[in-house]
Amino acid sequence: MQSKIAESQQKWYVLVTKPNAEKQTSKRLSKIGIENYLPLQRELRVWHDRKKWVEVPLFKSYVFVKTFDNLRKEVYLAGGVLKYVTMGDHICILSQEEVDRIQRLCACPEAVVIEKMPPSPPSPFALGDEVEVMAGPLQGFRGHLIQQDGQHRLRVEIKGLGYFATVIVDENIVRKAP
């Protein structure tokens, strides 16, 4: 019971390592007794004289560690660790579910491409807002915003005929419905 409580107080943090030092850092963290996870995927590398399957980190320069708040500084003993990943002023913490999802991604036989999310431009709309199309062939249609993306586009649900149609409408021709 005591170990279950102690385990639940541990959190998953993301470390930034020196470039190309993820595998060595992970090994050293394990050696000093810090639970860690390095997401790897198989990739076919081609050289001029041969081809070879190698395991490469899914996230470049990242290693995940599970530790207690008061022991976070211990990771620097492993060497190769530059810092913790932060968002704003806060150190990023992953849930166990997020780590499990990453593990499932790594188990996929297909190649996984990780891209950094671009910052979303501010939008005057929120998910669920009722909006009206002001120009174009759908002028006058009303619907609810069901998705936004970083390209000033909205997906709007139009319920006019008792069906649901999802259309992509440029954010510049949409306003909040009066």
N, C-alpha and C. Protein backbone atom coordinates (compact mmCIF):
# COMPACT_ATOMS: atom_id res chain seq x y z
N MET A 1 0.83 -1.19 0.00
CA MET A 1 0.00 0.00 0.00
C MET A 1 0.87 1.25 0.00
N GLN A 2 1.92 1.26 0.85
CA GLN A 2 2.81 2.42 0.93
C GLN A 2 3.49 2.67 -0.41
N SER A 3 3.92 1.59 -1.10
CA SER A 3 4.60 1.77 -2.38
C SER A 3 3.62 2.28 -3.45
N LYS A 4 2.33 1.88 -3.39
CA LYS A 4 1.32 2.37 -4.32
C LYS A 4 1.13 3.88 -4.15
N ILE A 5 1.11 4.35 -2.89
CA ILE A 5 0.96 5.78 -2.63
C ILE A 5 2.18 6.53 -3.13
N ALA A 6 3.36 5.99 -2.84
CA ALA A 6 4.60 6.64 -3.29
C ALA A 6 4.66 6.70 -4.80
N GLU A 7 4.23 5.61 -5.46
CA GLU A 7 4.27 5.58 -6.92
C GLU A 7 3.32 6.60 -7.51
N SER A 8 2.16 6.80 -6.87
CA SER A 8 1.19 7.75 -7.41
C SER A 8 1.66 9.19 -7.27
N GLN A 9 2.62 9.45 -6.40
CA GLN A 9 3.14 10.80 -6.23
C GLN A 9 4.25 11.11 -7.23
N GLN A 10 4.74 10.09 -7.92
CA GLN A 10 5.73 10.33 -8.96
C GLN A 10 5.04 10.89 -10.19
N LYS A 11 5.76 11.73 -10.92
CA LYS A 11 5.20 12.35 -12.11
C LYS A 11 6.15 12.13 -13.28
N TRP A 12 5.58 12.14 -14.47
CA TRP A 12 6.38 12.04 -15.69
C TRP A 12 6.78 13.43 -16.13
N TYR A 13 8.08 13.64 -16.28
CA TYR A 13 8.63 14.91 -16.76
C TYR A 13 9.37 14.64 -18.07
N VAL A 14 9.59 15.69 -18.84
CA VAL A 14 10.31 15.55 -20.10
C VAL A 14 11.62 16.32 -19.99
N LEU A 15 12.71 15.62 -20.26
CA LEU A 15 14.04 16.22 -20.22
C LEU A 15 14.51 16.55 -21.62
N VAL A 16 15.25 17.63 -21.73
CA VAL A 16 15.95 17.97 -22.97
C VAL A 16 17.39 17.51 -22.79
N THR A 17 17.87 16.72 -23.74
CA THR A 17 19.24 16.22 -23.66
C THR A 17 20.13 16.98 -24.66
N LYS A 18 21.41 16.75 -24.54
CA LYS A 18 22.32 17.27 -25.55
C LYS A 18 21.96 16.60 -26.89
N PRO A 19 22.26 17.25 -28.01
CA PRO A 19 21.92 16.66 -29.31
C PRO A 19 22.51 15.26 -29.48
N ASN A 20 21.69 14.35 -29.97
CA ASN A 20 22.08 12.96 -30.24
C ASN A 20 22.58 12.21 -29.01
N ALA A 21 22.16 12.62 -27.83
CA ALA A 21 22.60 11.96 -26.59
C ALA A 21 21.45 11.26 -25.87
N GLU A 22 20.33 11.07 -26.54
CA GLU A 22 19.16 10.50 -25.88
C GLU A 22 19.41 9.09 -25.36
N LYS A 23 19.98 8.22 -26.18
CA LYS A 23 20.19 6.83 -25.77
C LYS A 23 21.18 6.72 -24.61
N GLN A 24 22.28 7.46 -24.71
CA GLN A 24 23.28 7.42 -23.64
C GLN A 24 22.71 7.99 -22.34
N THR A 25 21.95 9.06 -22.44
CA THR A 25 21.36 9.67 -21.25
C THR A 25 20.37 8.71 -20.61
N SER A 26 19.56 8.05 -21.43
CA SER A 26 18.59 7.08 -20.91
C SER A 26 19.30 5.95 -20.17
N LYS A 27 20.39 5.43 -20.74
CA LYS A 27 21.15 4.36 -20.09
C LYS A 27 21.72 4.82 -18.75
N ARG A 28 22.27 6.03 -18.73
CA ARG A 28 22.86 6.55 -17.48
C ARG A 28 21.78 6.82 -16.43
N LEU A 29 20.61 7.28 -16.85
CA LEU A 29 19.52 7.49 -15.90
C LEU A 29 19.11 6.15 -15.27
N SER A 30 19.01 5.11 -16.10
CA SER A 30 18.68 3.78 -15.58
C SER A 30 19.74 3.29 -14.62
N LYS A 31 20.99 3.55 -14.96
CA LYS A 31 22.11 3.09 -14.13
C LYS A 31 22.07 3.71 -12.73
N ILE A 32 21.63 4.98 -12.63
CA ILE A 32 21.56 5.61 -11.30
C ILE A 32 20.19 5.42 -10.64
N GLY A 33 19.33 4.60 -11.25
CA GLY A 33 18.08 4.22 -10.62
C GLY A 33 16.90 5.15 -10.88
N ILE A 34 16.96 5.96 -11.92
CA ILE A 34 15.84 6.85 -12.24
C ILE A 34 15.03 6.22 -13.37
N GLU A 35 13.74 5.99 -13.09
CA GLU A 35 12.86 5.40 -14.10
C GLU A 35 12.74 6.38 -15.26
N ASN A 36 12.94 5.87 -16.47
CA ASN A 36 12.86 6.72 -17.64
C ASN A 36 12.32 5.94 -18.82
N TYR A 37 11.91 6.68 -19.84
CA TYR A 37 11.39 6.07 -21.05
C TYR A 37 11.88 6.89 -22.23
N LEU A 38 12.53 6.23 -23.16
CA LEU A 38 12.99 6.85 -24.39
C LEU A 38 12.19 6.25 -25.53
N PRO A 39 11.23 7.01 -26.08
CA PRO A 39 10.44 6.50 -27.19
C PRO A 39 11.31 6.34 -28.45
N LEU A 40 11.36 5.12 -28.96
CA LEU A 40 12.15 4.82 -30.15
C LEU A 40 11.26 4.26 -31.23
N GLN A 41 11.64 4.50 -32.48
CA GLN A 41 10.97 3.86 -33.60
C GLN A 41 12.01 3.35 -34.57
N ARG A 42 11.62 2.31 -35.30
CA ARG A 42 12.54 1.74 -36.30
C ARG A 42 12.47 2.58 -37.57
N GLU A 43 13.64 2.81 -38.14
CA GLU A 43 13.73 3.60 -39.36
C GLU A 43 14.76 2.96 -40.26
N LEU A 44 14.45 2.89 -41.55
CA LEU A 44 15.39 2.32 -42.52
C LEU A 44 16.35 3.42 -42.94
N ARG A 45 17.62 3.23 -42.63
CA ARG A 45 18.65 4.19 -43.03
C ARG A 45 19.37 3.63 -44.25
N VAL A 46 19.61 4.50 -45.22
CA VAL A 46 20.26 4.08 -46.46
C VAL A 46 21.59 4.80 -46.59
N TRP A 47 22.64 4.03 -46.73
CA TRP A 47 23.97 4.55 -47.02
C TRP A 47 24.29 4.17 -48.47
N HIS A 48 25.35 4.67 -48.99
CA HIS A 48 25.67 4.37 -50.39
C HIS A 48 25.95 2.89 -50.62
N ASP A 49 26.39 2.18 -49.59
CA ASP A 49 26.75 0.77 -49.78
C ASP A 49 25.81 -0.22 -49.09
N ARG A 50 24.85 0.26 -48.31
CA ARG A 50 23.97 -0.68 -47.59
C ARG A 50 22.74 0.03 -47.04
N LYS A 51 21.80 -0.82 -46.58
CA LYS A 51 20.60 -0.35 -45.89
C LYS A 51 20.56 -1.05 -44.54
N LYS A 52 20.06 -0.33 -43.55
CA LYS A 52 20.01 -0.94 -42.21
C LYS A 52 18.85 -0.35 -41.43
N TRP A 53 18.14 -1.20 -40.69
CA TRP A 53 17.10 -0.73 -39.78
C TRP A 53 17.76 -0.30 -38.48
N VAL A 54 17.46 0.91 -38.04
CA VAL A 54 18.01 1.42 -36.78
C VAL A 54 16.87 1.96 -35.93
N GLU A 55 17.09 2.00 -34.63
CA GLU A 55 16.12 2.60 -33.72
C GLU A 55 16.53 4.04 -33.47
N VAL A 56 15.61 4.96 -33.75
CA VAL A 56 15.89 6.38 -33.57
C VAL A 56 14.85 6.96 -32.62
N PRO A 57 15.23 7.99 -31.87
CA PRO A 57 14.27 8.61 -30.95
C PRO A 57 13.08 9.21 -31.70
N LEU A 58 11.90 9.00 -31.15
CA LEU A 58 10.69 9.57 -31.73
C LEU A 58 10.69 11.09 -31.57
N PHE A 59 11.18 11.56 -30.42
CA PHE A 59 11.29 12.99 -30.15
C PHE A 59 12.78 13.31 -30.01
N LYS A 60 13.29 14.10 -30.89
CA LYS A 60 14.72 14.43 -30.85
C LYS A 60 15.05 15.20 -29.56
N SER A 61 16.10 14.75 -28.88
CA SER A 61 16.64 15.37 -27.67
C SER A 61 15.70 15.32 -26.47
N TYR A 62 14.73 14.39 -26.45
CA TYR A 62 13.81 14.27 -25.32
C TYR A 62 13.93 12.87 -24.70
N VAL A 63 13.93 12.83 -23.36
CA VAL A 63 13.83 11.60 -22.59
C VAL A 63 12.79 11.86 -21.51
N PHE A 64 11.91 10.91 -21.27
CA PHE A 64 10.88 11.05 -20.25
C PHE A 64 11.37 10.40 -18.96
N VAL A 65 11.17 11.08 -17.83
CA VAL A 65 11.57 10.51 -16.54
C VAL A 65 10.39 10.54 -15.59
N LYS A 66 10.30 9.52 -14.74
CA LYS A 66 9.26 9.45 -13.72
C LYS A 66 9.95 9.55 -12.37
N THR A 67 9.66 10.63 -11.67
CA THR A 67 10.32 10.87 -10.40
C THR A 67 9.44 11.73 -9.49
N PHE A 68 9.90 11.92 -8.29
CA PHE A 68 9.21 12.78 -7.32
C PHE A 68 9.66 14.22 -7.52
N ASP A 69 8.80 15.16 -7.14
CA ASP A 69 9.13 16.59 -7.25
C ASP A 69 10.46 16.90 -6.57
N ASN A 70 10.62 16.40 -5.35
CA ASN A 70 11.82 16.75 -4.57
C ASN A 70 13.10 16.07 -5.07
N LEU A 71 12.98 15.15 -6.03
CA LEU A 71 14.16 14.47 -6.57
C LEU A 71 14.45 14.86 -8.02
N ARG A 72 13.80 15.92 -8.50
CA ARG A 72 13.98 16.31 -9.90
C ARG A 72 15.42 16.67 -10.24
N LYS A 73 16.17 17.20 -9.30
CA LYS A 73 17.55 17.61 -9.58
C LYS A 73 18.47 16.41 -9.78
N GLU A 74 18.07 15.24 -9.30
CA GLU A 74 18.90 14.04 -9.41
C GLU A 74 19.19 13.66 -10.87
N VAL A 75 18.32 14.03 -11.79
CA VAL A 75 18.51 13.64 -13.20
C VAL A 75 19.79 14.23 -13.77
N TYR A 76 20.23 15.36 -13.25
CA TYR A 76 21.44 16.00 -13.78
C TYR A 76 22.70 15.20 -13.47
N LEU A 77 22.61 14.28 -12.49
CA LEU A 77 23.75 13.43 -12.17
C LEU A 77 24.09 12.47 -13.31
N ALA A 78 23.11 12.20 -14.16
CA ALA A 78 23.33 11.27 -15.26
C ALA A 78 24.20 11.88 -16.36
N GLY A 79 24.25 13.18 -16.44
CA GLY A 79 25.00 13.83 -17.51
C GLY A 79 24.21 13.81 -18.81
N GLY A 80 24.47 14.76 -19.66
CA GLY A 80 23.78 14.83 -20.94
C GLY A 80 22.44 15.53 -20.86
N VAL A 81 21.98 15.87 -19.65
CA VAL A 81 20.69 16.54 -19.47
C VAL A 81 20.91 18.04 -19.47
N LEU A 82 20.17 18.75 -20.31
CA LEU A 82 20.29 20.20 -20.37
C LEU A 82 19.27 20.88 -19.46
N LYS A 83 18.00 20.44 -19.54
CA LYS A 83 16.95 21.08 -18.75
C LYS A 83 15.67 20.27 -18.85
N TYR A 84 14.67 20.71 -18.09
CA TYR A 84 13.32 20.17 -18.21
C TYR A 84 12.57 20.98 -19.26
N VAL A 85 11.65 20.33 -19.98
CA VAL A 85 10.81 21.03 -20.93
C VAL A 85 9.79 21.85 -20.14
N THR A 86 9.64 23.11 -20.51
CA THR A 86 8.70 23.99 -19.83
C THR A 86 7.73 24.60 -20.84
N MET A 87 6.60 24.99 -20.34
CA MET A 87 5.63 25.78 -21.10
C MET A 87 5.38 27.01 -20.25
N GLY A 88 5.85 28.14 -20.75
CA GLY A 88 5.77 29.35 -19.93
C GLY A 88 6.71 29.20 -18.75
N ASP A 89 6.18 29.38 -17.56
CA ASP A 89 6.99 29.27 -16.35
C ASP A 89 6.90 27.91 -15.68
N HIS A 90 6.15 26.99 -16.27
CA HIS A 90 5.88 25.71 -15.61
C HIS A 90 6.57 24.55 -16.31
N ILE A 91 7.12 23.65 -15.49
CA ILE A 91 7.71 22.42 -16.02
C ILE A 91 6.58 21.52 -16.51
N CYS A 92 6.73 20.99 -17.72
CA CYS A 92 5.70 20.12 -18.30
C CYS A 92 5.63 18.80 -17.56
N ILE A 93 4.41 18.38 -17.29
CA ILE A 93 4.16 17.10 -16.64
C ILE A 93 3.23 16.31 -17.55
N LEU A 94 3.59 15.07 -17.85
CA LEU A 94 2.76 14.20 -18.67
C LEU A 94 1.96 13.27 -17.77
N SER A 95 0.75 12.94 -18.20
CA SER A 95 -0.04 11.95 -17.47
C SER A 95 0.42 10.55 -17.89
N GLN A 96 0.08 9.57 -17.09
CA GLN A 96 0.42 8.19 -17.43
C GLN A 96 -0.26 7.79 -18.74
N GLU A 97 -1.47 8.30 -18.98
CA GLU A 97 -2.19 8.00 -20.20
C GLU A 97 -1.44 8.53 -21.43
N GLU A 98 -0.87 9.73 -21.32
CA GLU A 98 -0.11 10.29 -22.43
C GLU A 98 1.14 9.45 -22.72
N VAL A 99 1.81 9.00 -21.68
CA VAL A 99 2.99 8.15 -21.86
C VAL A 99 2.57 6.83 -22.49
N ASP A 100 1.43 6.28 -22.05
CA ASP A 100 0.93 5.03 -22.64
C ASP A 100 0.62 5.21 -24.12
N ARG A 101 0.04 6.36 -24.50
CA ARG A 101 -0.26 6.64 -25.91
C ARG A 101 1.02 6.71 -26.73
N ILE A 102 2.04 7.34 -26.18
CA ILE A 102 3.33 7.43 -26.88
C ILE A 102 3.92 6.04 -27.07
N GLN A 103 3.79 5.19 -26.06
CA GLN A 103 4.29 3.82 -26.16
C GLN A 103 3.54 3.07 -27.27
N ARG A 104 2.24 3.30 -27.38
CA ARG A 104 1.47 2.65 -28.46
C ARG A 104 1.90 3.18 -29.82
N LEU A 105 2.19 4.49 -29.90
CA LEU A 105 2.69 5.06 -31.16
C LEU A 105 3.97 4.37 -31.59
N CYS A 106 4.87 4.15 -30.64
CA CYS A 106 6.16 3.52 -30.95
C CYS A 106 5.99 2.07 -31.39
N ALA A 107 4.90 1.45 -30.98
CA ALA A 107 4.65 0.05 -31.37
C ALA A 107 4.06 -0.06 -32.77
N CYS A 108 3.64 1.06 -33.36
CA CYS A 108 3.07 1.03 -34.71
C CYS A 108 4.13 0.61 -35.72
N PRO A 109 3.76 -0.27 -36.65
CA PRO A 109 4.73 -0.65 -37.68
C PRO A 109 4.96 0.47 -38.70
N GLU A 110 3.98 1.37 -38.84
CA GLU A 110 4.12 2.48 -39.77
C GLU A 110 5.01 3.55 -39.17
N ALA A 111 5.64 4.34 -40.04
CA ALA A 111 6.49 5.44 -39.57
C ALA A 111 5.61 6.51 -38.94
N VAL A 112 6.08 7.06 -37.85
CA VAL A 112 5.39 8.14 -37.15
C VAL A 112 6.22 9.40 -37.33
N VAL A 113 5.57 10.47 -37.75
CA VAL A 113 6.25 11.74 -37.92
C VAL A 113 5.76 12.68 -36.82
N ILE A 114 6.68 13.22 -36.06
CA ILE A 114 6.35 14.15 -35.00
C ILE A 114 6.68 15.55 -35.48
N GLU A 115 5.70 16.42 -35.40
CA GLU A 115 5.91 17.81 -35.80
C GLU A 115 5.50 18.70 -34.64
N LYS A 116 6.25 19.75 -34.45
CA LYS A 116 5.91 20.71 -33.42
C LYS A 116 4.67 21.47 -33.87
N MET A 117 3.71 21.63 -32.95
CA MET A 117 2.50 22.35 -33.29
C MET A 117 2.81 23.83 -33.45
N PRO A 118 2.35 24.43 -34.55
CA PRO A 118 2.57 25.87 -34.70
C PRO A 118 1.69 26.61 -33.70
N PRO A 119 2.13 27.76 -33.26
CA PRO A 119 1.27 28.51 -32.34
C PRO A 119 -0.02 28.91 -33.06
N SER A 120 -1.12 28.72 -32.38
CA SER A 120 -2.41 29.06 -32.98
C SER A 120 -2.61 30.56 -32.92
N PRO A 121 -3.00 31.13 -34.05
CA PRO A 121 -3.29 32.56 -34.02
C PRO A 121 -4.56 32.79 -33.20
N PRO A 122 -4.66 33.92 -32.57
CA PRO A 122 -5.87 34.16 -31.78
C PRO A 122 -7.09 34.20 -32.70
N SER A 123 -8.17 33.61 -32.24
CA SER A 123 -9.40 33.57 -33.01
C SER A 123 -10.51 34.22 -32.21
N PRO A 124 -11.38 34.93 -32.89
CA PRO A 124 -12.50 35.54 -32.17
C PRO A 124 -13.58 34.52 -31.82
N PHE A 125 -13.40 33.28 -32.26
CA PHE A 125 -14.42 32.25 -32.06
C PHE A 125 -13.94 31.19 -31.07
N ALA A 126 -14.92 30.56 -30.43
CA ALA A 126 -14.64 29.44 -29.54
C ALA A 126 -15.45 28.24 -30.03
N LEU A 127 -14.97 27.06 -29.73
CA LEU A 127 -15.70 25.85 -30.13
C LEU A 127 -17.10 25.92 -29.54
N GLY A 128 -18.08 25.58 -30.37
CA GLY A 128 -19.47 25.61 -29.94
C GLY A 128 -20.20 26.91 -30.26
N ASP A 129 -19.46 27.96 -30.62
CA ASP A 129 -20.11 29.22 -30.98
C ASP A 129 -21.01 29.02 -32.19
N GLU A 130 -22.17 29.68 -32.17
CA GLU A 130 -23.01 29.70 -33.36
C GLU A 130 -22.47 30.80 -34.27
N VAL A 131 -22.25 30.46 -35.53
CA VAL A 131 -21.67 31.41 -36.47
C VAL A 131 -22.54 31.50 -37.73
N GLU A 132 -22.36 32.60 -38.44
CA GLU A 132 -23.09 32.83 -39.68
C GLU A 132 -22.10 33.16 -40.78
N VAL A 133 -22.29 32.56 -41.95
CA VAL A 133 -21.43 32.82 -43.10
C VAL A 133 -21.90 34.10 -43.75
N MET A 134 -20.98 35.04 -43.96
CA MET A 134 -21.32 36.38 -44.45
C MET A 134 -21.10 36.58 -45.94
N ALA A 135 -20.39 35.72 -46.62
CA ALA A 135 -20.11 35.91 -48.04
C ALA A 135 -19.91 34.54 -48.69
N GLY A 136 -19.89 34.53 -50.01
CA GLY A 136 -19.64 33.30 -50.75
C GLY A 136 -20.90 32.50 -50.96
N PRO A 137 -20.76 31.29 -51.50
CA PRO A 137 -21.92 30.48 -51.85
C PRO A 137 -22.74 30.02 -50.65
N LEU A 138 -22.16 30.05 -49.46
CA LEU A 138 -22.89 29.63 -48.27
C LEU A 138 -23.40 30.82 -47.45
N GLN A 139 -23.42 32.00 -48.04
CA GLN A 139 -23.85 33.21 -47.34
C GLN A 139 -25.23 32.98 -46.73
N GLY A 140 -25.35 33.36 -45.46
CA GLY A 140 -26.61 33.22 -44.75
C GLY A 140 -26.74 31.93 -43.96
N PHE A 141 -25.92 30.94 -44.25
CA PHE A 141 -25.97 29.69 -43.49
C PHE A 141 -25.48 29.93 -42.07
N ARG A 142 -26.11 29.24 -41.14
CA ARG A 142 -25.68 29.28 -39.74
C ARG A 142 -25.33 27.88 -39.29
N GLY A 143 -24.42 27.83 -38.36
CA GLY A 143 -24.04 26.54 -37.81
C GLY A 143 -23.22 26.74 -36.56
N HIS A 144 -22.72 25.65 -36.03
CA HIS A 144 -21.90 25.70 -34.82
C HIS A 144 -20.46 25.33 -35.17
N LEU A 145 -19.56 26.06 -34.60
CA LEU A 145 -18.15 25.79 -34.81
C LEU A 145 -17.79 24.48 -34.13
N ILE A 146 -17.28 23.53 -34.90
CA ILE A 146 -16.93 22.25 -34.30
C ILE A 146 -15.44 21.97 -34.34
N GLN A 147 -14.66 22.75 -35.10
CA GLN A 147 -13.22 22.54 -35.13
C GLN A 147 -12.55 23.79 -35.64
N GLN A 148 -11.35 24.07 -35.11
CA GLN A 148 -10.54 25.17 -35.61
C GLN A 148 -9.16 24.62 -35.93
N ASP A 149 -8.50 25.22 -36.90
CA ASP A 149 -7.12 24.86 -37.14
C ASP A 149 -6.30 26.13 -37.24
N GLY A 150 -5.02 26.01 -37.33
CA GLY A 150 -4.15 27.16 -37.32
C GLY A 150 -4.07 27.90 -38.64
N GLN A 151 -4.96 27.61 -39.58
CA GLN A 151 -4.90 28.24 -40.89
C GLN A 151 -6.10 29.14 -41.14
N HIS A 152 -6.64 29.71 -40.10
CA HIS A 152 -7.80 30.61 -40.19
C HIS A 152 -8.97 29.93 -40.91
N ARG A 153 -9.17 28.67 -40.65
CA ARG A 153 -10.31 27.96 -41.23
C ARG A 153 -11.14 27.42 -40.09
N LEU A 154 -12.41 27.30 -40.35
CA LEU A 154 -13.34 26.78 -39.36
C LEU A 154 -14.11 25.63 -39.97
N ARG A 155 -14.46 24.68 -39.19
CA ARG A 155 -15.40 23.65 -39.64
C ARG A 155 -16.71 23.99 -38.97
N VAL A 156 -17.70 24.11 -39.77
CA VAL A 156 -19.00 24.53 -39.27
C VAL A 156 -20.03 23.47 -39.58
N GLU A 157 -20.86 23.16 -38.61
CA GLU A 157 -21.91 22.19 -38.77
C GLU A 157 -23.15 22.93 -39.23
N ILE A 158 -23.69 22.56 -40.37
CA ILE A 158 -24.88 23.21 -40.92
C ILE A 158 -26.06 22.23 -40.79
N LYS A 159 -27.13 22.65 -40.10
CA LYS A 159 -28.23 21.73 -39.83
C LYS A 159 -29.49 22.05 -40.63
N GLY A 160 -29.39 22.76 -41.73
CA GLY A 160 -30.56 23.27 -42.44
C GLY A 160 -31.59 22.25 -42.90
N LEU A 161 -31.20 21.08 -43.35
CA LEU A 161 -32.13 20.13 -43.95
C LEU A 161 -32.34 18.88 -43.10
N GLY A 162 -31.96 18.94 -41.86
CA GLY A 162 -32.08 17.76 -41.02
C GLY A 162 -30.90 16.81 -41.18
N TYR A 163 -29.87 17.25 -41.86
CA TYR A 163 -28.64 16.49 -42.04
C TYR A 163 -27.50 17.30 -41.42
N PHE A 164 -26.41 16.68 -41.25
CA PHE A 164 -25.22 17.39 -40.78
C PHE A 164 -24.24 17.45 -41.94
N ALA A 165 -23.85 18.62 -42.29
CA ALA A 165 -22.83 18.80 -43.32
C ALA A 165 -21.69 19.57 -42.69
N THR A 166 -20.53 19.06 -42.86
CA THR A 166 -19.37 19.77 -42.35
C THR A 166 -18.68 20.43 -43.52
N VAL A 167 -18.50 21.73 -43.41
CA VAL A 167 -17.86 22.47 -44.48
C VAL A 167 -16.72 23.28 -43.89
N ILE A 168 -15.75 23.53 -44.72
CA ILE A 168 -14.63 24.37 -44.29
C ILE A 168 -14.90 25.77 -44.83
N VAL A 169 -14.92 26.72 -43.94
CA VAL A 169 -15.23 28.09 -44.30
C VAL A 169 -14.10 28.99 -43.82
N ASP A 170 -13.67 29.91 -44.65
CA ASP A 170 -12.62 30.83 -44.27
C ASP A 170 -13.10 31.69 -43.11
N GLU A 171 -12.29 31.81 -42.08
CA GLU A 171 -12.64 32.54 -40.88
C GLU A 171 -12.98 34.01 -41.17
N ASN A 172 -12.41 34.57 -42.24
CA ASN A 172 -12.61 35.97 -42.55
C ASN A 172 -14.02 36.29 -43.07
N ILE A 173 -14.78 35.27 -43.48
CA ILE A 173 -16.12 35.55 -43.96
C ILE A 173 -17.19 35.04 -42.99
N VAL A 174 -16.80 34.77 -41.76
CA VAL A 174 -17.73 34.25 -40.75
C VAL A 174 -17.79 35.22 -39.58
N ARG A 175 -18.97 35.35 -39.00
CA ARG A 175 -19.10 36.16 -37.78
C ARG A 175 -19.94 35.38 -36.79
N LYS A 176 -19.87 35.81 -35.53
CA LYS A 176 -20.72 35.19 -34.54
C LYS A 176 -22.16 35.54 -34.87
N ALA A 177 -23.03 34.55 -34.77
CA ALA A 177 -24.44 34.76 -35.13
C ALA A 177 -25.07 35.72 -34.11
N PRO A 178 -25.89 36.63 -34.62
CA PRO A 178 -26.56 37.57 -33.71
C PRO A 178 -27.63 36.89 -32.89
